[in-house]
């Protein structure tokens, strides 16, 4: 059986940028506001280039990337978008397995390669 892995890096960032295109090419950090004692859920490649990483404290992310846009997380939105993506994948293969938010595997046997 051939298996395909579908992985979307920075999935929450991609969803937020789809909602607000003005965020494209800007450093973005998801995880509430920097004054809260929470961690970065996700960050854009532009924020990563300045040293920001998922799971680091938001205050540290702000110190590293002062020009970033800080957004609150929208977990139910991310889940809904991902569920829609899984539904589309199921039109290509009846065997689709979610591994994590932003990653799924599907049975690629029988899919024609062009």
PDB file of N, CA and C in Angstrom:
ATOM      1  N   UNK A   1       0.849  -1.182   0.000  1.00  0.00           N
ATOM      2  CA  UNK A   1       0.000   0.000   0.000  1.00  0.00           C
ATOM      3  C   UNK A   1       0.890   1.241   0.000  1.00  0.00           C
ATOM      4  N   UNK A   2       0.570   2.180  -0.857  1.00  0.00           N
ATOM      5  CA  UNK A   2       1.270   3.472  -0.871  1.00  0.00           C
ATOM      6  C   UNK A   2       0.523   4.423   0.055  1.00  0.00           C
ATOM      7  N   UNK A   3       1.293   5.146   0.849  1.00  0.00           N
ATOM      8  CA  UNK A   3       0.717   6.090   1.795  1.00  0.00           C
ATOM      9  C   UNK A   3       1.241   7.480   1.486  1.00  0.00           C
ATOM     10  N   UNK A   4       0.366   8.444   1.544  1.00  0.00           N
ATOM     11  CA  UNK A   4       0.766   9.847   1.356  1.00  0.00           C
ATOM     12  C   UNK A   4       0.582  10.575   2.685  1.00  0.00           C
ATOM     13  N   UNK A   5       1.519  11.438   2.988  1.00  0.00           N
ATOM     14  CA  UNK A   5       1.434  12.280   4.180  1.00  0.00           C
ATOM     15  C   UNK A   5       1.164  13.712   3.732  1.00  0.00           C
ATOM     16  N   UNK A   6       0.134  14.285   4.297  1.00  0.00           N
ATOM     17  CA  UNK A   6      -0.195  15.679   4.033  1.00  0.00           C
ATOM     18  C   UNK A   6       0.170  16.457   5.300  1.00  0.00           C
ATOM     19  N   UNK A   7       1.108  17.375   5.177  1.00  0.00           N
ATOM     20  CA  UNK A   7       1.571  18.160   6.324  1.00  0.00           C
ATOM     21  C   UNK A   7       1.547  19.633   5.948  1.00  0.00           C
ATOM     22  N   UNK A   8       0.891  20.418   6.764  1.00  0.00           N
ATOM     23  CA  UNK A   8       0.848  21.860   6.541  1.00  0.00           C
ATOM     24  C   UNK A   8       1.578  22.524   7.704  1.00  0.00           C
ATOM     25  N   UNK A   9       2.789  22.982   7.418  1.00  0.00           N
ATOM     26  CA  UNK A   9       3.575  23.667   8.451  1.00  0.00           C
ATOM     27  C   UNK A   9       2.880  24.956   8.857  1.00  0.00           C
ATOM     28  N   UNK A  10       2.968  25.273  10.117  1.00  0.00           N
ATOM     29  CA  UNK A  10       2.391  26.510  10.655  1.00  0.00           C
ATOM     30  C   UNK A  10       0.906  26.625  10.296  1.00  0.00           C
ATOM     31  N   UNK A  11       0.178  25.542  10.512  1.00  0.00           N
ATOM     32  CA  UNK A  11      -1.234  25.499  10.143  1.00  0.00           C
ATOM     33  C   UNK A  11      -2.048  26.633  10.775  1.00  0.00           C
ATOM     34  N   UNK A  12      -1.939  26.888  12.093  1.00  0.00           N
ATOM     35  CA  UNK A  12      -2.707  28.009  12.659  1.00  0.00           C
ATOM     36  C   UNK A  12      -2.356  29.351  12.006  1.00  0.00           C
ATOM     37  N   UNK A  13      -1.084  29.565  11.681  1.00  0.00           N
ATOM     38  CA  UNK A  13      -0.678  30.805  11.002  1.00  0.00           C
ATOM     39  C   UNK A  13      -1.342  30.870   9.630  1.00  0.00           C
ATOM     40  N   UNK A  14      -1.352  29.748   8.900  1.00  0.00           N
ATOM     41  CA  UNK A  14      -1.978  29.725   7.575  1.00  0.00           C
ATOM     42  C   UNK A  14      -3.459  30.069   7.663  1.00  0.00           C
ATOM     43  N   UNK A  15      -4.136  29.548   8.672  1.00  0.00           N
ATOM     44  CA  UNK A  15      -5.564  29.841   8.844  1.00  0.00           C
ATOM     45  C   UNK A  15      -5.768  31.323   9.153  1.00  0.00           C
ATOM     46  N   UNK A  16      -4.953  31.860  10.041  1.00  0.00           N
ATOM     47  CA  UNK A  16      -5.083  33.280  10.394  1.00  0.00           C
ATOM     48  C   UNK A  16      -4.786  34.178   9.200  1.00  0.00           C
ATOM     49  N   UNK A  17      -3.801  33.803   8.401  1.00  0.00           N
ATOM     50  CA  UNK A  17      -3.472  34.608   7.214  1.00  0.00           C
ATOM     51  C   UNK A  17      -4.556  34.495   6.148  1.00  0.00           C
ATOM     52  N   UNK A  18      -5.235  33.385   6.101  1.00  0.00           N
ATOM     53  CA  UNK A  18      -6.349  33.257   5.170  1.00  0.00           C
ATOM     54  C   UNK A  18      -7.490  34.181   5.609  1.00  0.00           C
ATOM     55  N   UNK A  19      -7.707  34.270   6.918  1.00  0.00           N
ATOM     56  CA  UNK A  19      -8.748  35.168   7.448  1.00  0.00           C
ATOM     57  C   UNK A  19      -8.386  36.627   7.259  1.00  0.00           C
ATOM     58  N   UNK A  20      -7.101  36.951   7.384  1.00  0.00           N
ATOM     59  CA  UNK A  20      -6.642  38.344   7.304  1.00  0.00           C
ATOM     60  C   UNK A  20      -5.374  38.410   6.456  1.00  0.00           C
ATOM     61  N   UNK A  21      -5.524  38.601   5.150  1.00  0.00           N
ATOM     62  CA  UNK A  21      -4.364  38.624   4.259  1.00  0.00           C
ATOM     63  C   UNK A  21      -3.331  39.701   4.588  1.00  0.00           C
ATOM     64  N   UNK A  22      -3.689  40.712   5.356  1.00  0.00           N
ATOM     65  CA  UNK A  22      -2.705  41.737   5.712  1.00  0.00           C
ATOM     66  C   UNK A  22      -1.592  41.171   6.604  1.00  0.00           C
ATOM     67  N   UNK A  23      -1.804  39.966   7.147  1.00  0.00           N
ATOM     68  CA  UNK A  23      -0.788  39.322   7.987  1.00  0.00           C
ATOM     69  C   UNK A  23       0.298  38.626   7.169  1.00  0.00           C
ATOM     70  N   UNK A  24       0.072  38.477   5.881  1.00  0.00           N
ATOM     71  CA  UNK A  24       1.055  37.797   5.027  1.00  0.00           C
ATOM     72  C   UNK A  24       2.381  38.557   5.037  1.00  0.00           C
ATOM     73  N   UNK A  25       3.451  37.800   5.123  1.00  0.00           N
ATOM     74  CA  UNK A  25       4.826  38.309   5.117  1.00  0.00           C
ATOM     75  C   UNK A  25       5.175  39.151   6.352  1.00  0.00           C
ATOM     76  N   UNK A  26       4.307  39.158   7.345  1.00  0.00           N
ATOM     77  CA  UNK A  26       4.606  39.870   8.602  1.00  0.00           C
ATOM     78  C   UNK A  26       4.899  38.834   9.683  1.00  0.00           C
ATOM     79  N   UNK A  27       5.712  39.171  10.663  1.00  0.00           N
ATOM     80  CA  UNK A  27       5.906  38.243  11.773  1.00  0.00           C
ATOM     81  C   UNK A  27       4.619  38.152  12.598  1.00  0.00           C
ATOM     82  N   UNK A  28       4.160  36.937  12.817  1.00  0.00           N
ATOM     83  CA  UNK A  28       2.917  36.698  13.552  1.00  0.00           C
ATOM     84  C   UNK A  28       3.191  35.658  14.624  1.00  0.00           C
ATOM     85  N   UNK A  29       2.649  35.913  15.812  1.00  0.00           N
ATOM     86  CA  UNK A  29       2.762  34.982  16.934  1.00  0.00           C
ATOM     87  C   UNK A  29       1.350  34.711  17.439  1.00  0.00           C
ATOM     88  N   UNK A  30       1.019  33.442  17.589  1.00  0.00           N
ATOM     89  CA  UNK A  30      -0.290  33.060  18.124  1.00  0.00           C
ATOM     90  C   UNK A  30      -0.092  32.527  19.528  1.00  0.00           C
ATOM     91  N   UNK A  31      -0.870  33.070  20.465  1.00  0.00           N
ATOM     92  CA  UNK A  31      -0.782  32.597  21.851  1.00  0.00           C
ATOM     93  C   UNK A  31      -1.233  33.627  22.850  1.00  0.00           C
ATOM     94  N   UNK A  32      -2.200  34.444  22.525  1.00  0.00           N
ATOM     95  CA  UNK A  32      -2.704  35.508  23.400  1.00  0.00           C
ATOM     96  C   UNK A  32      -1.791  36.729  23.321  1.00  0.00           C
ATOM     97  N   UNK A  33      -1.774  37.526  24.378  1.00  0.00           N
ATOM     98  CA  UNK A  33      -0.981  38.751  24.386  1.00  0.00           C
ATOM     99  C   UNK A  33       0.280  38.534  25.217  1.00  0.00           C
ATOM    100  N   UNK A  34       1.341  39.265  24.925  1.00  0.00           N
ATOM    101  CA  UNK A  34       2.624  39.039  25.606  1.00  0.00           C
ATOM    102  C   UNK A  34       2.589  39.272  27.110  1.00  0.00           C
ATOM    103  N   UNK A  35       1.603  40.012  27.611  1.00  0.00           N
ATOM    104  CA  UNK A  35       1.562  40.270  29.056  1.00  0.00           C
ATOM    105  C   UNK A  35       0.985  39.089  29.839  1.00  0.00           C
ATOM    106  N   UNK A  36       0.512  38.068  29.140  1.00  0.00           N
ATOM    107  CA  UNK A  36      -0.007  36.889  29.823  1.00  0.00           C
ATOM    108  C   UNK A  36       1.095  35.858  29.986  1.00  0.00           C
ATOM    109  N   UNK A  37       0.961  35.033  30.999  1.00  0.00           N
ATOM    110  CA  UNK A  37       1.966  34.003  31.273  1.00  0.00           C
ATOM    111  C   UNK A  37       1.618  32.722  30.508  1.00  0.00           C
ATOM    112  N   UNK A  38       1.589  32.856  29.215  1.00  0.00           N
ATOM    113  CA  UNK A  38       1.279  31.711  28.366  1.00  0.00           C
ATOM    114  C   UNK A  38       2.409  31.511  27.370  1.00  0.00           C
ATOM    115  N   UNK A  39       2.281  30.439  26.593  1.00  0.00           N
ATOM    116  CA  UNK A  39       3.332  30.097  25.635  1.00  0.00           C
ATOM    117  C   UNK A  39       2.861  30.342  24.206  1.00  0.00           C
ATOM    118  N   UNK A  40       3.814  30.440  23.319  1.00  0.00           N
ATOM    119  CA  UNK A  40       3.549  30.589  21.891  1.00  0.00           C
ATOM    120  C   UNK A  40       2.958  29.273  21.385  1.00  0.00           C
ATOM    121  N   UNK A  41       1.791  29.348  20.766  1.00  0.00           N
ATOM    122  CA  UNK A  41       1.184  28.177  20.138  1.00  0.00           C
ATOM    123  C   UNK A  41       1.830  27.928  18.781  1.00  0.00           C
ATOM    124  N   UNK A  42       1.983  28.984  18.001  1.00  0.00           N
ATOM    125  CA  UNK A  42       2.593  28.888  16.675  1.00  0.00           C
ATOM    126  C   UNK A  42       3.160  30.258  16.327  1.00  0.00           C
ATOM    127  N   UNK A  43       4.082  30.276  15.387  1.00  0.00           N
ATOM    128  CA  UNK A  43       4.645  31.534  14.923  1.00  0.00           C
ATOM    129  C   UNK A  43       4.993  31.402  13.444  1.00  0.00           C
ATOM    130  N   UNK A  44       4.973  32.516  12.770  1.00  0.00           N
ATOM    131  CA  UNK A  44       5.254  32.533  11.337  1.00  0.00           C
ATOM    132  C   UNK A  44       6.751  32.350  11.090  1.00  0.00           C
ATOM    133  N   UNK A  45       7.110  31.960   9.873  1.00  0.00           N
ATOM    134  CA  UNK A  45       8.538  31.870   9.550  1.00  0.00           C
ATOM    135  C   UNK A  45       9.272  33.193   9.773  1.00  0.00           C
ATOM    136  N   UNK A  46       8.594  34.320   9.554  1.00  0.00           N
ATOM    137  CA  UNK A  46       9.214  35.633   9.777  1.00  0.00           C
ATOM    138  C   UNK A  46       9.538  35.829  11.257  1.00  0.00           C
ATOM    139  N   UNK A  47       8.666  35.360  12.148  1.00  0.00           N
ATOM    140  CA  UNK A  47       8.933  35.450  13.590  1.00  0.00           C
ATOM    141  C   UNK A  47      10.013  34.447  13.994  1.00  0.00           C
ATOM    142  N   UNK A  48       9.996  33.273  13.372  1.00  0.00           N
ATOM    143  CA  UNK A  48      11.042  32.278  13.661  1.00  0.00           C
ATOM    144  C   UNK A  48      12.413  32.805  13.275  1.00  0.00           C
ATOM    145  N   UNK A  49      12.492  33.551  12.180  1.00  0.00           N
ATOM    146  CA  UNK A  49      13.778  34.104  11.739  1.00  0.00           C
ATOM    147  C   UNK A  49      14.365  35.053  12.780  1.00  0.00           C
ATOM    148  N   UNK A  50      13.511  35.583  13.649  1.00  0.00           N
ATOM    149  CA  UNK A  50      13.978  36.474  14.714  1.00  0.00           C
ATOM    150  C   UNK A  50      14.161  35.736  16.036  1.00  0.00           C
ATOM    151  N   UNK A  51      14.034  34.397  16.017  1.00  0.00           N
ATOM    152  CA  UNK A  51      14.307  33.595  17.204  1.00  0.00           C
ATOM    153  C   UNK A  51      13.095  33.078  17.944  1.00  0.00           C
ATOM    154  N   UNK A  52      11.912  33.444  17.525  1.00  0.00           N
ATOM    155  CA  UNK A  52      10.696  32.981  18.196  1.00  0.00           C
ATOM    156  C   UNK A  52      10.444  31.515  17.851  1.00  0.00           C
ATOM    157  N   UNK A  53       9.969  30.751  18.839  1.00  0.00           N
ATOM    158  CA  UNK A  53       9.682  29.332  18.653  1.00  0.00           C
ATOM    159  C   UNK A  53       8.381  28.969  19.369  1.00  0.00           C
ATOM    160  N   UNK A  54       7.637  27.987  18.836  1.00  0.00           N
ATOM    161  CA  UNK A  54       6.472  27.481  19.576  1.00  0.00           C
ATOM    162  C   UNK A  54       6.901  26.972  20.951  1.00  0.00           C
ATOM    163  N   UNK A  55       6.021  27.140  21.911  1.00  0.00           N
ATOM    164  CA  UNK A  55       6.195  26.711  23.304  1.00  0.00           C
ATOM    165  C   UNK A  55       7.032  27.663  24.152  1.00  0.00           C
ATOM    166  N   UNK A  56       7.695  28.651  23.559  1.00  0.00           N
ATOM    167  CA  UNK A  56       8.451  29.593  24.389  1.00  0.00           C
ATOM    168  C   UNK A  56       7.469  30.564  25.050  1.00  0.00           C
ATOM    169  N   UNK A  57       7.833  31.143  26.162  1.00  0.00           N
ATOM    170  CA  UNK A  57       6.949  32.127  26.802  1.00  0.00           C
ATOM    171  C   UNK A  57       6.685  33.322  25.874  1.00  0.00           C
ATOM    172  N   UNK A  58       5.469  33.809  25.908  1.00  0.00           N
ATOM    173  CA  UNK A  58       5.100  34.941  25.056  1.00  0.00           C
ATOM    174  C   UNK A  58       5.964  36.166  25.337  1.00  0.00           C
ATOM    175  N   UNK A  59       6.318  36.378  26.585  1.00  0.00           N
ATOM    176  CA  UNK A  59       7.168  37.529  26.916  1.00  0.00           C
ATOM    177  C   UNK A  59       8.524  37.434  26.227  1.00  0.00           C
ATOM    178  N   UNK A  60       9.059  36.238  26.168  1.00  0.00           N
ATOM    179  CA  UNK A  60      10.336  36.040  25.488  1.00  0.00           C
ATOM    180  C   UNK A  60      10.166  36.274  23.984  1.00  0.00           C
ATOM    181  N   UNK A  61       9.045  35.816  23.429  1.00  0.00           N
ATOM    182  CA  UNK A  61       8.775  36.041  22.001  1.00  0.00           C
ATOM    183  C   UNK A  61       8.699  37.531  21.699  1.00  0.00           C
ATOM    184  N   UNK A  62       8.072  38.287  22.573  1.00  0.00           N
ATOM    185  CA  UNK A  62       7.979  39.736  22.376  1.00  0.00           C
ATOM    186  C   UNK A  62       9.364  40.371  22.424  1.00  0.00           C
ATOM    187  N   UNK A  63      10.206  39.918  23.345  1.00  0.00           N
ATOM    188  CA  UNK A  63      11.557  40.468  23.440  1.00  0.00           C
ATOM    189  C   UNK A  63      12.371  40.188  22.174  1.00  0.00           C
ATOM    190  N   UNK A  64      12.131  39.050  21.561  1.00  0.00           N
ATOM    191  CA  UNK A  64      12.879  38.676  20.356  1.00  0.00           C
ATOM    192  C   UNK A  64      12.296  39.291  19.080  1.00  0.00           C
ATOM    193  N   UNK A  65      10.994  39.527  19.101  1.00  0.00           N
ATOM    194  CA  UNK A  65      10.304  39.924  17.871  1.00  0.00           C
ATOM    195  C   UNK A  65       9.292  41.027  18.200  1.00  0.00           C
ATOM    196  N   UNK A  66       9.808  42.215  18.452  1.00  0.00           N
ATOM    197  CA  UNK A  66       8.974  43.332  18.911  1.00  0.00           C
ATOM    198  C   UNK A  66       7.972  43.810  17.870  1.00  0.00           C
ATOM    199  N   UNK A  67       8.246  43.549  16.595  1.00  0.00           N
ATOM    200  CA  UNK A  67       7.334  44.017  15.548  1.00  0.00           C
ATOM    201  C   UNK A  67       6.280  42.974  15.167  1.00  0.00           C
ATOM    202  N   UNK A  68       6.223  41.862  15.895  1.00  0.00           N
ATOM    203  CA  UNK A  68       5.263  40.806  15.582  1.00  0.00           C
ATOM    204  C   UNK A  68       3.837  41.227  15.922  1.00  0.00           C
ATOM    205  N   UNK A  69       2.906  40.669  15.178  1.00  0.00           N
ATOM    206  CA  UNK A  69       1.489  40.791  15.493  1.00  0.00           C
ATOM    207  C   UNK A  69       1.159  39.605  16.397  1.00  0.00           C
ATOM    208  N   UNK A  70       0.655  39.883  17.587  1.00  0.00           N
ATOM    209  CA  UNK A  70       0.290  38.831  18.537  1.00  0.00           C
ATOM    210  C   UNK A  70      -1.216  38.612  18.457  1.00  0.00           C
ATOM    211  N   UNK A  71      -1.605  37.356  18.244  1.00  0.00           N
ATOM    212  CA  UNK A  71      -3.013  37.016  18.091  1.00  0.00           C
ATOM    213  C   UNK A  71      -3.436  35.976  19.117  1.00  0.00           C
ATOM    214  N   UNK A  72      -4.687  36.020  19.537  1.00  0.00           N
ATOM    215  CA  UNK A  72      -5.188  34.943  20.396  1.00  0.00           C
ATOM    216  C   UNK A  72      -5.429  33.695  19.549  1.00  0.00           C
ATOM    217  N   UNK A  73      -5.299  32.527  20.136  1.00  0.00           N
ATOM    218  CA  UNK A  73      -5.565  31.301  19.376  1.00  0.00           C
ATOM    219  C   UNK A  73      -7.069  31.110  19.164  1.00  0.00           C
ATOM    220  N   UNK A  74      -7.415  30.440  18.087  1.00  0.00           N
ATOM    221  CA  UNK A  74      -8.805  30.111  17.761  1.00  0.00           C
ATOM    222  C   UNK A  74      -8.888  28.607  17.491  1.00  0.00           C
ATOM    223  N   UNK A  75      -8.755  27.779  18.545  1.00  0.00           N
ATOM    224  CA  UNK A  75      -8.674  26.325  18.339  1.00  0.00           C
ATOM    225  C   UNK A  75      -9.882  25.731  17.614  1.00  0.00           C
ATOM    226  N   UNK A  76     -11.077  26.218  17.889  1.00  0.00           N
ATOM    227  CA  UNK A  76     -12.236  25.643  17.207  1.00  0.00           C
ATOM    228  C   UNK A  76     -12.219  25.983  15.712  1.00  0.00           C
ATOM    229  N   UNK A  77     -11.735  27.156  15.363  1.00  0.00           N
ATOM    230  CA  UNK A  77     -11.601  27.522  13.954  1.00  0.00           C
ATOM    231  C   UNK A  77     -10.568  26.627  13.273  1.00  0.00           C
ATOM    232  N   UNK A  78      -9.428  26.415  13.910  1.00  0.00           N
ATOM    233  CA  UNK A  78      -8.390  25.571  13.324  1.00  0.00           C
ATOM    234  C   UNK A  78      -8.919  24.147  13.118  1.00  0.00           C
ATOM    235  N   UNK A  79      -9.662  23.652  14.095  1.00  0.00           N
ATOM    236  CA  UNK A  79     -10.244  22.307  14.001  1.00  0.00           C
ATOM    237  C   UNK A  79     -11.241  22.249  12.841  1.00  0.00           C
ATOM    238  N   UNK A  80     -12.113  23.252  12.719  1.00  0.00           N
ATOM    239  CA  UNK A  80     -13.106  23.272  11.636  1.00  0.00           C
ATOM    240  C   UNK A  80     -12.444  23.295  10.264  1.00  0.00           C
ATOM    241  N   UNK A  81     -11.422  24.114  10.102  1.00  0.00           N
ATOM    242  CA  UNK A  81     -10.713  24.190   8.822  1.00  0.00           C
ATOM    243  C   UNK A  81     -10.045  22.850   8.523  1.00  0.00           C
ATOM    244  N   UNK A  82      -9.433  22.251   9.533  1.00  0.00           N
ATOM    245  CA  UNK A  82      -8.763  20.971   9.318  1.00  0.00           C
ATOM    246  C   UNK A  82      -9.775  19.885   8.966  1.00  0.00           C
ATOM    247  N   UNK A  83     -10.919  19.878   9.634  1.00  0.00           N
ATOM    248  CA  UNK A  83     -11.963  18.894   9.318  1.00  0.00           C
ATOM    249  C   UNK A  83     -12.427  19.056   7.875  1.00  0.00           C
ATOM    250  N   UNK A  84     -12.528  20.291   7.399  1.00  0.00           N
ATOM    251  CA  UNK A  84     -12.897  20.534   6.003  1.00  0.00           C
ATOM    252  C   UNK A  84     -11.835  19.978   5.058  1.00  0.00           C
ATOM    253  N   UNK A  85     -10.576  20.136   5.435  1.00  0.00           N
ATOM    254  CA  UNK A  85      -9.491  19.597   4.615  1.00  0.00           C
ATOM    255  C   UNK A  85      -9.538  18.070   4.584  1.00  0.00           C
ATOM    256  N   UNK A  86      -9.833  17.446   5.722  1.00  0.00           N
ATOM    257  CA  UNK A  86      -9.942  15.992   5.754  1.00  0.00           C
ATOM    258  C   UNK A  86     -11.074  15.524   4.845  1.00  0.00           C
ATOM    259  N   UNK A  87     -12.177  16.258   4.839  1.00  0.00           N
ATOM    260  CA  UNK A  87     -13.305  15.900   3.973  1.00  0.00           C
ATOM    261  C   UNK A  87     -12.893  15.953   2.501  1.00  0.00           C
ATOM    262  N   UNK A  88     -12.102  16.933   2.124  1.00  0.00           N
ATOM    263  CA  UNK A  88     -11.616  17.018   0.746  1.00  0.00           C
ATOM    264  C   UNK A  88     -10.695  15.836   0.445  1.00  0.00           C
ATOM    265  N   UNK A  89      -9.807  15.503   1.371  1.00  0.00           N
ATOM    266  CA  UNK A  89      -8.904  14.362   1.163  1.00  0.00           C
ATOM    267  C   UNK A  89      -9.695  13.065   0.983  1.00  0.00           C
ATOM    268  N   UNK A  90     -10.820  12.943   1.675  1.00  0.00           N
ATOM    269  CA  UNK A  90     -11.637  11.732   1.565  1.00  0.00           C
ATOM    270  C   UNK A  90     -12.282  11.594   0.184  1.00  0.00           C
ATOM    271  N   UNK A  91     -12.291  12.661  -0.596  1.00  0.00           N
ATOM    272  CA  UNK A  91     -12.788  12.538  -1.968  1.00  0.00           C
ATOM    273  C   UNK A  91     -11.736  11.862  -2.863  1.00  0.00           C
ATOM    274  N   UNK A  92     -10.486  11.830  -2.420  1.00  0.00           N
ATOM    275  CA  UNK A  92      -9.413  11.180  -3.163  1.00  0.00           C
ATOM    276  C   UNK A  92      -9.155   9.755  -2.675  1.00  0.00           C
ATOM    277  N   UNK A  93      -9.393   9.523  -1.399  1.00  0.00           N
ATOM    278  CA  UNK A  93      -9.132   8.210  -0.822  1.00  0.00           C
ATOM    279  C   UNK A  93     -10.111   7.972   0.330  1.00  0.00           C
ATOM    280  N   UNK A  94     -10.706   6.764   0.382  1.00  0.00           N
ATOM    281  CA  UNK A  94     -11.614   6.482   1.498  1.00  0.00           C
ATOM    282  C   UNK A  94     -10.873   6.237   2.812  1.00  0.00           C
ATOM    283  N   UNK A  95      -9.565   6.074   2.737  1.00  0.00           N
ATOM    284  CA  UNK A  95      -8.765   5.817   3.932  1.00  0.00           C
ATOM    285  C   UNK A  95      -7.912   7.038   4.260  1.00  0.00           C
ATOM    286  N   UNK A  96      -8.427   7.878   5.125  1.00  0.00           N
ATOM    287  CA  UNK A  96      -7.721   9.078   5.576  1.00  0.00           C
ATOM    288  C   UNK A  96      -7.629   8.997   7.092  1.00  0.00           C
ATOM    289  N   UNK A  97      -6.417   9.171   7.594  1.00  0.00           N
ATOM    290  CA  UNK A  97      -6.202   9.099   9.039  1.00  0.00           C
ATOM    291  C   UNK A  97      -5.533  10.377   9.527  1.00  0.00           C
ATOM    292  N   UNK A  98      -6.161  11.006  10.496  1.00  0.00           N
ATOM    293  CA  UNK A  98      -5.585  12.206  11.106  1.00  0.00           C
ATOM    294  C   UNK A  98      -4.506  11.783  12.090  1.00  0.00           C
ATOM    295  N   UNK A  99      -3.359  12.432  11.998  1.00  0.00           N
ATOM    296  CA  UNK A  99      -2.266  12.151  12.922  1.00  0.00           C
ATOM    297  C   UNK A  99      -2.190  13.242  13.981  1.00  0.00           C
ATOM    298  N   UNK A 100      -2.333  14.465  13.562  1.00  0.00           N
ATOM    299  CA  UNK A 100      -2.305  15.631  14.442  1.00  0.00           C
ATOM    300  C   UNK A 100      -2.931  16.773  13.659  1.00  0.00           C
ATOM    301  N   UNK A 101      -3.279  17.840  14.347  1.00  0.00           N
ATOM    302  CA  UNK A 101      -3.790  18.999  13.637  1.00  0.00           C
ATOM    303  C   UNK A 101      -2.707  19.455  12.678  1.00  0.00           C
ATOM    304  N   UNK A 102      -3.004  19.489  11.431  1.00  0.00           N
ATOM    305  CA  UNK A 102      -2.103  19.878  10.339  1.00  0.00           C
ATOM    306  C   UNK A 102      -1.426  18.695   9.654  1.00  0.00           C
ATOM    307  N   UNK A 103      -1.682  17.456  10.121  1.00  0.00           N
ATOM    308  CA  UNK A 103      -1.027  16.304   9.481  1.00  0.00           C
ATOM    309  C   UNK A 103      -2.025  15.159   9.357  1.00  0.00           C
ATOM    310  N   UNK A 104      -2.074  14.590   8.154  1.00  0.00           N
ATOM    311  CA  UNK A 104      -2.936  13.442   7.909  1.00  0.00           C
ATOM    312  C   UNK A 104      -2.234  12.498   6.941  1.00  0.00           C
ATOM    313  N   UNK A 105      -2.647  11.243   6.992  1.00  0.00           N
ATOM    314  CA  UNK A 105      -2.129  10.224   6.085  1.00  0.00           C
ATOM    315  C   UNK A 105      -3.300   9.672   5.291  1.00  0.00           C
ATOM    316  N   UNK A 106      -3.026   9.331   4.044  1.00  0.00           N
ATOM    317  CA  UNK A 106      -4.078   8.705   3.255  1.00  0.00           C
ATOM    318  C   UNK A 106      -3.506   7.581   2.424  1.00  0.00           C
ATOM    319  N   UNK A 107      -4.364   6.612   2.149  1.00  0.00           N
ATOM    320  CA  UNK A 107      -3.998   5.497   1.299  1.00  0.00           C
ATOM    321  C   UNK A 107      -3.948   6.022  -0.122  1.00  0.00           C
ATOM    322  N   UNK A 108      -2.753   6.016  -0.708  1.00  0.00           N
ATOM    323  CA  UNK A 108      -2.573   6.547  -2.058  1.00  0.00           C
ATOM    324  C   UNK A 108      -2.595   5.445  -3.113  1.00  0.00           C
ATOM    325  N   UNK A 109      -2.841   4.205  -2.694  1.00  0.00           N
ATOM    326  CA  UNK A 109      -2.947   3.126  -3.659  1.00  0.00           C
ATOM    327  C   UNK A 109      -4.116   3.386  -4.594  1.00  0.00           C
ATOM    328  N   UNK A 110      -3.900   3.215  -5.858  1.00  0.00           N
ATOM    329  CA  UNK A 110      -4.972   3.437  -6.818  1.00  0.00           C
ATOM    330  C   UNK A 110      -5.052   4.857  -7.339  1.00  0.00           C
ATOM    331  N   UNK A 111      -4.321   5.777  -6.726  1.00  0.00           N
ATOM    332  CA  UNK A 111      -4.305   7.152  -7.259  1.00  0.00           C
ATOM    333  C   UNK A 111      -3.372   7.187  -8.455  1.00  0.00           C
ATOM    334  N   UNK A 112      -3.820   7.783  -9.520  1.00  0.00           N
ATOM    335  CA  UNK A 112      -3.003   7.878 -10.719  1.00  0.00           C
ATOM    336  C   UNK A 112      -1.963   8.965 -10.563  1.00  0.00           C
ATOM    337  N   UNK A 113      -0.740   8.651 -10.946  1.00  0.00           N
ATOM    338  CA  UNK A 113       0.327   9.651 -10.951  1.00  0.00           C
ATOM    339  C   UNK A 113       0.404  10.256 -12.339  1.00  0.00           C
ATOM    340  N   UNK A 114       0.453  11.542 -12.428  1.00  0.00           N
ATOM    341  CA  UNK A 114       0.501  12.215 -13.743  1.00  0.00           C
ATOM    342  C   UNK A 114       1.837  12.866 -13.933  1.00  0.00           C
TER     343      UNK A 114
END
